[in-house]
Amino acid sequence: MKKKALFYFKRYLIIVLGCIIYSVGVSFFLDANNIASGGVTGIAIIISYLLESTPAASILTTGVLIIIINVPLFILGFIFFGKGFTLSTLFATVLSSVLIEVWNLTLKKFIPVTNDILISSLVGGALFGIGLGLIFRMGSTTGGTDIVVKLLRKKFRYVNTGIISMIIDIVIVCSSFAAYRDFDLLCYTVISIVILTIAFDTVLYGGNSAKLVYIISVEDKAGLICDKIIKELDISATVTDGKGAYTGDNKRMILCAIKSFLYPKLRDVVKDCDPAAFMIVTSAKEIYGEGYKNHTDEEL
């Protein structure tokens, strides 16, 4: 029970952090400059802009509109992803929407926001993507088109979540041109979506990436390299026998997956044990097994 409670505490703590970063990006940068960065948030910003000069503007604010639009999508999420997902998504959606309203009514009045629309599109898009990425990593969303994205991701498993999100967002943003009639703003909005997608995918998939290293060495030195890899780097490796095609000498090939921050130490180990070793280094986008992702983990 203690372990389970700690898991949920950590999960919701990261969701709260993601909501704070996400809401700051929306309130201080995107909403402040009418940059509709796609999704339900983008739709809400567009509607809020259209209602600006009407009596409904004081009631149907961006945060309120986000919640209203989300209702049918929550029902869809509950049907396809279950109660656990729906509750965490409801929590993230309400919290982020409330925070947007809190920033709009408090700090936003006193903290100067840049009038430079390029800075707003870059910083706002980055904060939006980082916050959303943290929320997605915890198996939740901020509702809206994020639920649609998760549904499409189940169907098109070979496409990154960020790419699917970007396609939907660009469609919404191009539609926003009819409201703003401002081509420059449209271009800045597309910039923010591209930055959002890069930041989102980096946060979502970056922690799962590592390097895949092949080390080819002579038999006696290969054993020394393996010992140091296990003792000094605390990782394992797979060893296979081989033979040099040109020399005909017996060789050992060591195959190991290693986190990027440990890779320089691996280089030092190989250099110290066998400066003549042949190394091939590639990027491993996703790794399943001990020390990495479980095979039962949800696909992000």
C-alpha atoms as a PDB file:
ATOM      1  CA  MET A   1       0.000   0.000   0.000  1.00  0.00           C
ATOM      2  CA  LYS A   2       2.868   2.354   0.866  1.00  0.00           C
ATOM      3  CA  LYS A   3       4.527   1.693  -2.501  1.00  0.00           C
ATOM      4  CA  LYS A   4       1.252   2.276  -4.339  1.00  0.00           C
ATOM      5  CA  ALA A   5       0.612   5.522  -2.432  1.00  0.00           C
ATOM      6  CA  LEU A   6       4.133   6.726  -3.270  1.00  0.00           C
ATOM      7  CA  PHE A   7       3.549   5.912  -6.946  1.00  0.00           C
ATOM      8  CA  TYR A   8       0.336   7.950  -7.086  1.00  0.00           C
ATOM      9  CA  PHE A   9       1.899  10.806  -5.106  1.00  0.00           C
ATOM     10  CA  LYS A  10       4.801  11.012  -7.562  1.00  0.00           C
ATOM     11  CA  ARG A  11       2.457  10.677 -10.540  1.00  0.00           C
ATOM     12  CA  TYR A  12       0.143  13.490  -9.477  1.00  0.00           C
ATOM     13  CA  LEU A  13       3.035  15.690  -8.350  1.00  0.00           C
ATOM     14  CA  ILE A  14       4.470  15.537 -11.877  1.00  0.00           C
ATOM     15  CA  ILE A  15       0.994  16.138 -13.361  1.00  0.00           C
ATOM     16  CA  VAL A  16       0.666  19.266 -11.159  1.00  0.00           C
ATOM     17  CA  LEU A  17       4.100  20.482 -12.308  1.00  0.00           C
ATOM     18  CA  GLY A  18       3.094  19.854 -15.931  1.00  0.00           C
ATOM     19  CA  CYS A  19      -0.164  21.784 -15.430  1.00  0.00           C
ATOM     20  CA  ILE A  20       1.707  24.769 -13.952  1.00  0.00           C
ATOM     21  CA  ILE A  21       4.192  24.920 -16.869  1.00  0.00           C
ATOM     22  CA  TYR A  22       1.410  24.378 -19.424  1.00  0.00           C
ATOM     23  CA  SER A  23      -0.854  27.076 -17.932  1.00  0.00           C
ATOM     24  CA  VAL A  24       1.959  29.652 -17.734  1.00  0.00           C
ATOM     25  CA  GLY A  25       2.729  29.097 -21.426  1.00  0.00           C
ATOM     26  CA  VAL A  26      -0.928  29.510 -22.380  1.00  0.00           C
ATOM     27  CA  SER A  27      -1.777  32.468 -20.142  1.00  0.00           C
ATOM     28  CA  PHE A  28       1.351  34.631 -20.297  1.00  0.00           C
ATOM     29  CA  PHE A  29       2.404  33.991 -23.891  1.00  0.00           C
ATOM     30  CA  LEU A  30      -0.164  32.322 -26.171  1.00  0.00           C
ATOM     31  CA  ASP A  31      -3.505  33.660 -24.930  1.00  0.00           C
ATOM     32  CA  ALA A  32      -1.962  37.081 -24.290  1.00  0.00           C
ATOM     33  CA  ASN A  33      -1.075  37.382 -27.981  1.00  0.00           C
ATOM     34  CA  ASN A  34      -4.050  35.503 -29.514  1.00  0.00           C
ATOM     35  CA  ILE A  35      -1.773  32.661 -30.602  1.00  0.00           C
ATOM     36  CA  ALA A  36      -4.160  29.711 -30.929  1.00  0.00           C
ATOM     37  CA  SER A  37      -1.741  26.785 -30.660  1.00  0.00           C
ATOM     38  CA  GLY A  38      -4.216  24.147 -31.718  1.00  0.00           C
ATOM     39  CA  GLY A  39      -6.204  21.702 -29.635  1.00  0.00           C
ATOM     40  CA  VAL A  40      -9.129  22.609 -27.429  1.00  0.00           C
ATOM     41  CA  THR A  41      -6.999  25.399 -25.938  1.00  0.00           C
ATOM     42  CA  GLY A  42      -6.587  26.879 -29.404  1.00  0.00           C
ATOM     43  CA  ILE A  43     -10.304  26.540 -30.139  1.00  0.00           C
ATOM     44  CA  ALA A  44     -11.090  28.210 -26.791  1.00  0.00           C
ATOM     45  CA  ILE A  45      -8.695  31.096 -27.549  1.00  0.00           C
ATOM     46  CA  ILE A  46     -10.351  31.631 -30.958  1.00  0.00           C
ATOM     47  CA  ILE A  47     -13.889  31.593 -29.476  1.00  0.00           C
ATOM     48  CA  SER A  48     -12.774  33.906 -26.664  1.00  0.00           C
ATOM     49  CA  TYR A  49     -11.408  36.319 -29.277  1.00  0.00           C
ATOM     50  CA  LEU A  50     -14.669  36.216 -31.281  1.00  0.00           C
ATOM     51  CA  LEU A  51     -16.685  36.895 -28.097  1.00  0.00           C
ATOM     52  CA  GLU A  52     -14.376  39.710 -26.975  1.00  0.00           C
ATOM     53  CA  SER A  53     -16.859  42.529 -27.670  1.00  0.00           C
ATOM     54  CA  THR A  54     -19.984  40.656 -26.512  1.00  0.00           C
ATOM     55  CA  PRO A  55     -21.609  40.447 -23.033  1.00  0.00           C
ATOM     56  CA  ALA A  56     -20.697  36.733 -22.882  1.00  0.00           C
ATOM     57  CA  ALA A  57     -16.981  37.566 -22.866  1.00  0.00           C
ATOM     58  CA  SER A  58     -16.874  38.004 -19.077  1.00  0.00           C
ATOM     59  CA  ILE A  59     -18.448  34.562 -18.527  1.00  0.00           C
ATOM     60  CA  LEU A  60     -17.108  32.477 -21.393  1.00  0.00           C
ATOM     61  CA  THR A  61     -13.414  33.055 -20.710  1.00  0.00           C
ATOM     62  CA  THR A  62     -10.681  30.835 -22.161  1.00  0.00           C
ATOM     63  CA  GLY A  63     -10.512  28.593 -19.067  1.00  0.00           C
ATOM     64  CA  VAL A  64     -14.298  28.149 -18.903  1.00  0.00           C
ATOM     65  CA  LEU A  65     -14.523  27.373 -22.617  1.00  0.00           C
ATOM     66  CA  ILE A  66     -11.835  24.696 -22.275  1.00  0.00           C
ATOM     67  CA  ILE A  67     -13.955  22.866 -19.678  1.00  0.00           C
ATOM     68  CA  ILE A  68     -17.195  23.171 -21.726  1.00  0.00           C
ATOM     69  CA  ILE A  69     -15.624  21.814 -24.927  1.00  0.00           C
ATOM     70  CA  ASN A  70     -14.020  18.973 -22.995  1.00  0.00           C
ATOM     71  CA  VAL A  71     -17.247  17.456 -21.647  1.00  0.00           C
ATOM     72  CA  PRO A  72     -18.126  15.269 -24.699  1.00  0.00           C
ATOM     73  CA  LEU A  73     -14.468  14.339 -25.143  1.00  0.00           C
ATOM     74  CA  PHE A  74     -14.263  13.163 -21.526  1.00  0.00           C
ATOM     75  CA  ILE A  75     -17.159  10.819 -22.178  1.00  0.00           C
ATOM     76  CA  LEU A  76     -15.218   9.453 -25.161  1.00  0.00           C
ATOM     77  CA  GLY A  77     -12.108   9.006 -22.993  1.00  0.00           C
ATOM     78  CA  PHE A  78     -14.072   7.149 -20.319  1.00  0.00           C
ATOM     79  CA  ILE A  79     -15.499   4.729 -22.912  1.00  0.00           C
ATOM     80  CA  PHE A  80     -12.142   3.874 -24.502  1.00  0.00           C
ATOM     81  CA  PHE A  81      -9.581   4.314 -21.681  1.00  0.00           C
ATOM     82  CA  GLY A  82     -11.480   3.650 -18.453  1.00  0.00           C
ATOM     83  CA  LYS A  83     -12.004   5.358 -15.117  1.00  0.00           C
ATOM     84  CA  GLY A  84      -8.341   5.751 -14.068  1.00  0.00           C
ATOM     85  CA  PHE A  85      -7.420   7.669 -17.203  1.00  0.00           C
ATOM     86  CA  THR A  86     -10.586   9.781 -17.060  1.00  0.00           C
ATOM     87  CA  LEU A  87     -10.026  10.797 -13.420  1.00  0.00           C
ATOM     88  CA  SER A  88      -6.392  11.841 -13.949  1.00  0.00           C
ATOM     89  CA  THR A  89      -7.348  13.679 -17.155  1.00  0.00           C
ATOM     90  CA  LEU A  90     -10.216  15.421 -15.378  1.00  0.00           C
ATOM     91  CA  PHE A  91      -7.800  16.461 -12.630  1.00  0.00           C
ATOM     92  CA  ALA A  92      -5.231  17.789 -15.143  1.00  0.00           C
ATOM     93  CA  THR A  93      -7.859  19.590 -17.235  1.00  0.00           C
ATOM     94  CA  VAL A  94      -9.581  21.312 -14.329  1.00  0.00           C
ATOM     95  CA  LEU A  95      -6.290  22.241 -12.634  1.00  0.00           C
ATOM     96  CA  SER A  96      -4.729  23.677 -15.802  1.00  0.00           C
ATOM     97  CA  SER A  97      -7.931  25.585 -16.655  1.00  0.00           C
ATOM     98  CA  VAL A  98      -8.171  26.997 -13.117  1.00  0.00           C
ATOM     99  CA  LEU A  99      -4.492  27.984 -13.189  1.00  0.00           C
ATOM    100  CA  ILE A 100      -4.991  29.808 -16.501  1.00  0.00           C
ATOM    101  CA  GLU A 101      -7.785  31.826 -14.883  1.00  0.00           C
ATOM    102  CA  VAL A 102      -5.703  32.438 -11.743  1.00  0.00           C
ATOM    103  CA  TRP A 103      -2.783  33.792 -13.794  1.00  0.00           C
ATOM    104  CA  ASN A 104      -5.172  35.933 -15.876  1.00  0.00           C
ATOM    105  CA  LEU A 105      -6.759  37.480 -12.760  1.00  0.00           C
ATOM    106  CA  THR A 106      -3.617  37.885 -10.631  1.00  0.00           C
ATOM    107  CA  LEU A 107       0.005  37.750 -11.732  1.00  0.00           C
ATOM    108  CA  LYS A 108      -0.669  38.561 -15.378  1.00  0.00           C
ATOM    109  CA  LYS A 109      -1.800  42.073 -14.334  1.00  0.00           C
ATOM    110  CA  PHE A 110       1.458  42.803 -12.537  1.00  0.00           C
ATOM    111  CA  ILE A 111       4.100  40.822 -14.409  1.00  0.00           C
ATOM    112  CA  PRO A 112       4.897  42.393 -17.780  1.00  0.00           C
ATOM    113  CA  VAL A 113       4.386  40.040 -20.713  1.00  0.00           C
ATOM    114  CA  THR A 114       6.502  40.513 -23.807  1.00  0.00           C
ATOM    115  CA  ASN A 115       4.835  42.236 -26.738  1.00  0.00           C
ATOM    116  CA  ASP A 116       7.188  40.475 -29.118  1.00  0.00           C
ATOM    117  CA  ILE A 117       4.992  37.921 -30.842  1.00  0.00           C
ATOM    118  CA  LEU A 118       7.967  35.820 -32.016  1.00  0.00           C
ATOM    119  CA  ILE A 119       9.234  35.447 -28.438  1.00  0.00           C
ATOM    120  CA  SER A 120       5.693  34.624 -27.319  1.00  0.00           C
ATOM    121  CA  SER A 121       5.279  31.926 -29.977  1.00  0.00           C
ATOM    122  CA  LEU A 122       8.665  30.358 -29.153  1.00  0.00           C
ATOM    123  CA  VAL A 123       8.483  30.513 -25.345  1.00  0.00           C
ATOM    124  CA  GLY A 124       4.746  29.806 -25.192  1.00  0.00           C
ATOM    125  CA  GLY A 125       5.051  26.829 -27.542  1.00  0.00           C
ATOM    126  CA  ALA A 126       8.010  25.424 -25.580  1.00  0.00           C
ATOM    127  CA  LEU A 127       6.271  25.749 -22.191  1.00  0.00           C
ATOM    128  CA  PHE A 128       3.046  24.309 -23.619  1.00  0.00           C
ATOM    129  CA  GLY A 129       4.943  21.301 -25.042  1.00  0.00           C
ATOM    130  CA  ILE A 130       7.028  20.662 -21.903  1.00  0.00           C
ATOM    131  CA  GLY A 131       3.992  20.809 -19.622  1.00  0.00           C
ATOM    132  CA  LEU A 132       1.917  18.598 -21.897  1.00  0.00           C
ATOM    133  CA  GLY A 133       4.781  16.118 -22.255  1.00  0.00           C
ATOM    134  CA  LEU A 134       5.064  15.723 -18.473  1.00  0.00           C
ATOM    135  CA  ILE A 135       1.317  15.155 -18.197  1.00  0.00           C
ATOM    136  CA  PHE A 136       1.358  12.554 -21.015  1.00  0.00           C
ATOM    137  CA  ARG A 137       4.310  10.717 -19.443  1.00  0.00           C
ATOM    138  CA  MET A 138       2.161  10.166 -16.361  1.00  0.00           C
ATOM    139  CA  GLY A 139      -0.545   8.487 -18.462  1.00  0.00           C
ATOM    140  CA  SER A 140      -2.854  11.490 -18.412  1.00  0.00           C
ATOM    141  CA  THR A 141      -3.835  14.326 -20.758  1.00  0.00           C
ATOM    142  CA  THR A 142      -5.335  17.784 -20.544  1.00  0.00           C
ATOM    143  CA  GLY A 143      -8.430  16.473 -22.250  1.00  0.00           C
ATOM    144  CA  GLY A 144      -9.731  17.836 -25.528  1.00  0.00           C
ATOM    145  CA  THR A 145      -7.954  16.789 -28.692  1.00  0.00           C
ATOM    146  CA  ASP A 146      -5.335  15.008 -26.543  1.00  0.00           C
ATOM    147  CA  ILE A 147      -7.947  12.271 -26.084  1.00  0.00           C
ATOM    148  CA  VAL A 148      -8.461  12.159 -29.845  1.00  0.00           C
ATOM    149  CA  VAL A 149      -4.673  11.948 -30.277  1.00  0.00           C
ATOM    150  CA  LYS A 150      -4.463   8.963 -27.904  1.00  0.00           C
ATOM    151  CA  LEU A 151      -7.249   7.228 -29.812  1.00  0.00           C
ATOM    152  CA  LEU A 152      -5.474   7.799 -33.141  1.00  0.00           C
ATOM    153  CA  ARG A 153      -2.167   6.662 -31.599  1.00  0.00           C
ATOM    154  CA  LYS A 154      -3.786   3.300 -30.819  1.00  0.00           C
ATOM    155  CA  LYS A 155      -4.695   2.969 -34.485  1.00  0.00           C
ATOM    156  CA  PHE A 156      -1.473   4.390 -35.988  1.00  0.00           C
ATOM    157  CA  ARG A 157       1.160   3.026 -33.582  1.00  0.00           C
ATOM    158  CA  TYR A 158       4.048   3.816 -35.946  1.00  0.00           C
ATOM    159  CA  VAL A 159       3.428   7.589 -35.770  1.00  0.00           C
ATOM    160  CA  ASN A 160       4.755   9.644 -32.830  1.00  0.00           C
ATOM    161  CA  THR A 161       2.127  11.216 -30.587  1.00  0.00           C
ATOM    162  CA  GLY A 162       3.567  14.680 -31.206  1.00  0.00           C
ATOM    163  CA  ILE A 163       3.225  14.321 -34.991  1.00  0.00           C
ATOM    164  CA  ILE A 164      -0.442  13.297 -34.747  1.00  0.00           C
ATOM    165  CA  SER A 165      -1.048  16.224 -32.409  1.00  0.00           C
ATOM    166  CA  MET A 166       0.721  18.618 -34.776  1.00  0.00           C
ATOM    167  CA  ILE A 167      -1.421  17.555 -37.762  1.00  0.00           C
ATOM    168  CA  ILE A 168      -4.642  18.132 -35.782  1.00  0.00           C
ATOM    169  CA  ASP A 169      -3.337  21.444 -34.448  1.00  0.00           C
ATOM    170  CA  ILE A 170      -2.347  22.759 -37.864  1.00  0.00           C
ATOM    171  CA  VAL A 171      -5.854  22.010 -39.170  1.00  0.00           C
ATOM    172  CA  ILE A 172      -7.334  23.967 -36.234  1.00  0.00           C
ATOM    173  CA  VAL A 173      -4.857  26.821 -36.636  1.00  0.00           C
ATOM    174  CA  CYS A 174      -5.497  27.153 -40.362  1.00  0.00           C
ATOM    175  CA  SER A 175      -9.195  27.405 -39.470  1.00  0.00           C
ATOM    176  CA  SER A 176      -8.313  30.226 -37.056  1.00  0.00           C
ATOM    177  CA  PHE A 177      -7.212  32.336 -40.018  1.00  0.00           C
ATOM    178  CA  ALA A 178     -10.905  32.875 -40.770  1.00  0.00           C
ATOM    179  CA  ALA A 179     -11.291  34.490 -37.325  1.00  0.00           C
ATOM    180  CA  TYR A 180      -8.125  36.584 -37.154  1.00  0.00           C
ATOM    181  CA  ARG A 181      -7.625  37.417 -40.839  1.00  0.00           C
ATOM    182  CA  ASP A 182      -3.983  37.933 -39.975  1.00  0.00           C
ATOM    183  CA  PHE A 183      -1.467  36.003 -42.048  1.00  0.00           C
ATOM    184  CA  ASP A 184       1.489  37.059 -39.881  1.00  0.00           C
ATOM    185  CA  LEU A 185      -0.281  35.751 -36.778  1.00  0.00           C
ATOM    186  CA  LEU A 186      -1.030  32.500 -38.602  1.00  0.00           C
ATOM    187  CA  CYS A 187       2.677  32.058 -39.378  1.00  0.00           C
ATOM    188  CA  TYR A 188       3.680  32.742 -35.761  1.00  0.00           C
ATOM    189  CA  THR A 189       1.057  30.267 -34.586  1.00  0.00           C
ATOM    190  CA  VAL A 190       2.468  27.558 -36.872  1.00  0.00           C
ATOM    191  CA  ILE A 191       5.934  28.330 -35.433  1.00  0.00           C
ATOM    192  CA  SER A 192       4.579  27.847 -31.912  1.00  0.00           C
ATOM    193  CA  ILE A 193       3.062  24.486 -32.910  1.00  0.00           C
ATOM    194  CA  VAL A 194       6.350  23.253 -34.375  1.00  0.00           C
ATOM    195  CA  ILE A 195       8.210  24.287 -31.182  1.00  0.00           C
ATOM    196  CA  LEU A 196       5.425  22.709 -29.102  1.00  0.00           C
ATOM    197  CA  THR A 197       5.758  19.418 -31.012  1.00  0.00           C
ATOM    198  CA  ILE A 198       9.557  19.314 -30.623  1.00  0.00           C
ATOM    199  CA  ALA A 199       9.365  20.081 -26.885  1.00  0.00           C
ATOM    200  CA  PHE A 200       6.503  17.612 -26.405  1.00  0.00           C
ATOM    201  CA  ASP A 201       8.230  14.708 -28.178  1.00  0.00           C
ATOM    202  CA  THR A 202      11.539  15.461 -26.406  1.00  0.00           C
ATOM    203  CA  VAL A 203       9.896  15.261 -22.972  1.00  0.00           C
ATOM    204  CA  LEU A 204       7.702  12.289 -23.904  1.00  0.00           C
ATOM    205  CA  TYR A 205      10.330  10.120 -25.607  1.00  0.00           C
ATOM    206  CA  GLY A 206      13.646  11.643 -24.506  1.00  0.00           C
ATOM    207  CA  GLY A 207      13.824   9.732 -21.218  1.00  0.00           C
ATOM    208  CA  ASN A 208      13.469   6.418 -23.057  1.00  0.00           C
ATOM    209  CA  SER A 209      16.326   6.995 -25.478  1.00  0.00           C
ATOM    210  CA  ALA A 210      19.794   5.557 -25.075  1.00  0.00           C
ATOM    211  CA  LYS A 211      22.786   4.482 -27.112  1.00  0.00           C
ATOM    212  CA  LEU A 212      23.271   1.036 -28.577  1.00  0.00           C
ATOM    213  CA  VAL A 213      26.977   0.166 -28.639  1.00  0.00           C
ATOM    214  CA  TYR A 214      28.790  -2.670 -30.428  1.00  0.00           C
ATOM    215  CA  ILE A 215      32.366  -3.241 -29.227  1.00  0.00           C
ATOM    216  CA  ILE A 216      34.580  -5.657 -31.186  1.00  0.00           C
ATOM    217  CA  SER A 217      37.787  -6.674 -29.445  1.00  0.00           C
ATOM    218  CA  VAL A 218      40.202  -9.575 -29.093  1.00  0.00           C
ATOM    219  CA  GLU A 219      39.126 -12.336 -26.687  1.00  0.00           C
ATOM    220  CA  ASP A 220      41.308 -11.522 -23.659  1.00  0.00           C
ATOM    221  CA  LYS A 221      40.662  -7.766 -23.722  1.00  0.00           C
ATOM    222  CA  ALA A 222      36.941  -8.234 -24.372  1.00  0.00           C
ATOM    223  CA  GLY A 223      36.671 -10.054 -21.048  1.00  0.00           C
ATOM    224  CA  LEU A 224      38.352  -7.136 -19.266  1.00  0.00           C
ATOM    225  CA  ILE A 225      35.996  -4.662 -20.958  1.00  0.00           C
ATOM    226  CA  CYS A 226      32.962  -6.709 -19.869  1.00  0.00           C
ATOM    227  CA  ASP A 227      34.158  -6.868 -16.263  1.00  0.00           C
ATOM    228  CA  LYS A 228      34.596  -3.097 -16.109  1.00  0.00           C
ATOM    229  CA  ILE A 229      31.238  -2.455 -17.772  1.00  0.00           C
ATOM    230  CA  ILE A 230      29.505  -4.545 -15.111  1.00  0.00           C
ATOM    231  CA  LYS A 231      31.470  -3.227 -12.111  1.00  0.00           C
ATOM    232  CA  GLU A 232      32.044   0.437 -12.982  1.00  0.00           C
ATOM    233  CA  LEU A 233      28.932   1.250 -15.018  1.00  0.00           C
ATOM    234  CA  ASP A 234      26.527  -1.170 -13.300  1.00  0.00           C
ATOM    235  CA  ILE A 235      25.014  -2.331 -16.589  1.00  0.00           C
ATOM    236  CA  SER A 236      25.021  -5.661 -18.363  1.00  0.00           C
ATOM    237  CA  ALA A 237      26.025  -6.677 -21.852  1.00  0.00           C
ATOM    238  CA  THR A 238      25.704  -9.519 -24.342  1.00  0.00           C
ATOM    239  CA  VAL A 239      28.834 -11.223 -25.704  1.00  0.00           C
ATOM    240  CA  THR A 240      29.047 -13.195 -28.939  1.00  0.00           C
ATOM    241  CA  ASP A 241      31.962 -14.903 -30.683  1.00  0.00           C
ATOM    242  CA  GLY A 242      33.102 -13.779 -34.099  1.00  0.00           C
ATOM    243  CA  LYS A 243      35.963 -13.889 -36.558  1.00  0.00           C
ATOM    244  CA  GLY A 244      37.635 -11.109 -38.507  1.00  0.00           C
ATOM    245  CA  ALA A 245      36.841 -11.527 -42.210  1.00  0.00           C
ATOM    246  CA  TYR A 246      40.199 -10.127 -43.351  1.00  0.00           C
ATOM    247  CA  THR A 247      42.561 -11.407 -40.631  1.00  0.00           C
ATOM    248  CA  GLY A 248      40.737 -14.576 -39.671  1.00  0.00           C
ATOM    249  CA  ASP A 249      41.457 -13.786 -35.992  1.00  0.00           C
ATOM    250  CA  ASN A 250      38.996 -14.790 -33.317  1.00  0.00           C
ATOM    251  CA  LYS A 251      37.060 -11.814 -31.933  1.00  0.00           C
ATOM    252  CA  ARG A 252      34.444 -11.068 -29.297  1.00  0.00           C
ATOM    253  CA  MET A 253      31.579  -8.682 -29.916  1.00  0.00           C
ATOM    254  CA  ILE A 254      30.070  -6.942 -26.894  1.00  0.00           C
ATOM    255  CA  LEU A 255      26.581  -5.519 -27.319  1.00  0.00           C
ATOM    256  CA  CYS A 256      25.188  -3.140 -24.691  1.00  0.00           C
ATOM    257  CA  ALA A 257      22.486  -0.506 -24.330  1.00  0.00           C
ATOM    258  CA  ILE A 258      23.530   2.457 -22.225  1.00  0.00           C
ATOM    259  CA  LYS A 259      22.014   5.744 -21.075  1.00  0.00           C
ATOM    260  CA  SER A 260      23.495   8.746 -22.851  1.00  0.00           C
ATOM    261  CA  PHE A 261      24.966  10.267 -19.683  1.00  0.00           C
ATOM    262  CA  LEU A 262      26.961   7.030 -19.031  1.00  0.00           C
ATOM    263  CA  TYR A 263      28.296   6.761 -22.575  1.00  0.00           C
ATOM    264  CA  PRO A 264      31.472   8.889 -21.999  1.00  0.00           C
ATOM    265  CA  LYS A 265      32.458   6.516 -19.160  1.00  0.00           C
ATOM    266  CA  LEU A 266      32.005   3.567 -21.516  1.00  0.00           C
ATOM    267  CA  ARG A 267      34.309   5.265 -24.007  1.00  0.00           C
ATOM    268  CA  ASP A 268      36.925   5.625 -21.258  1.00  0.00           C
ATOM    269  CA  VAL A 269      36.604   1.940 -20.311  1.00  0.00           C
ATOM    270  CA  VAL A 270      37.122   0.782 -23.913  1.00  0.00           C
ATOM    271  CA  LYS A 271      39.997   3.219 -24.451  1.00  0.00           C
ATOM    272  CA  ASP A 272      41.778   2.019 -21.290  1.00  0.00           C
ATOM    273  CA  CYS A 273      41.284  -1.699 -21.955  1.00  0.00           C
ATOM    274  CA  ASP A 274      41.735  -1.873 -25.724  1.00  0.00           C
ATOM    275  CA  PRO A 275      42.540   1.313 -27.692  1.00  0.00           C
ATOM    276  CA  ALA A 276      42.424  -0.795 -30.877  1.00  0.00           C
ATOM    277  CA  ALA A 277      38.823  -1.970 -30.272  1.00  0.00           C
ATOM    278  CA  PHE A 278      36.286  -1.339 -33.017  1.00  0.00           C
ATOM    279  CA  MET A 279      33.162   0.482 -31.800  1.00  0.00           C
ATOM    280  CA  ILE A 280      29.851   1.109 -33.521  1.00  0.00           C
ATOM    281  CA  VAL A 281      27.491   3.522 -31.765  1.00  0.00           C
ATOM    282  CA  THR A 282      23.860   4.078 -32.748  1.00  0.00           C
ATOM    283  CA  SER A 283      20.841   5.676 -31.109  1.00  0.00           C
ATOM    284  CA  ALA A 284      18.203   3.475 -29.513  1.00  0.00           C
ATOM    285  CA  LYS A 285      14.895   5.290 -29.410  1.00  0.00           C
ATOM    286  CA  GLU A 286      13.126   2.836 -27.117  1.00  0.00           C
ATOM    287  CA  ILE A 287      14.475   0.001 -24.976  1.00  0.00           C
ATOM    288  CA  TYR A 288      12.428  -2.630 -23.163  1.00  0.00           C
ATOM    289  CA  GLY A 289      13.830  -4.740 -20.348  1.00  0.00           C
ATOM    290  CA  GLU A 290      15.466  -4.409 -16.934  1.00  0.00           C
ATOM    291  CA  GLY A 291      16.502  -0.830 -16.200  1.00  0.00           C
ATOM    292  CA  TYR A 292      14.358   0.525 -19.026  1.00  0.00           C
ATOM    293  CA  LYS A 293      10.692   0.252 -20.022  1.00  0.00           C
ATOM    294  CA  ASN A 294       8.547  -2.760 -19.218  1.00  0.00           C
ATOM    295  CA  HIS A 295       6.893  -4.674 -22.045  1.00  0.00           C
ATOM    296  CA  THR A 296       3.573  -4.066 -20.311  1.00  0.00           C
ATOM    297  CA  ASP A 297       3.988  -0.268 -20.240  1.00  0.00           C
ATOM    298  CA  GLU A 298       1.428   1.792 -22.119  1.00  0.00           C
ATOM    299  CA  GLU A 299       2.594   3.035 -25.513  1.00  0.00           C
ATOM    300  CA  LEU A 300       2.954   6.820 -25.392  1.00  0.00           C
END
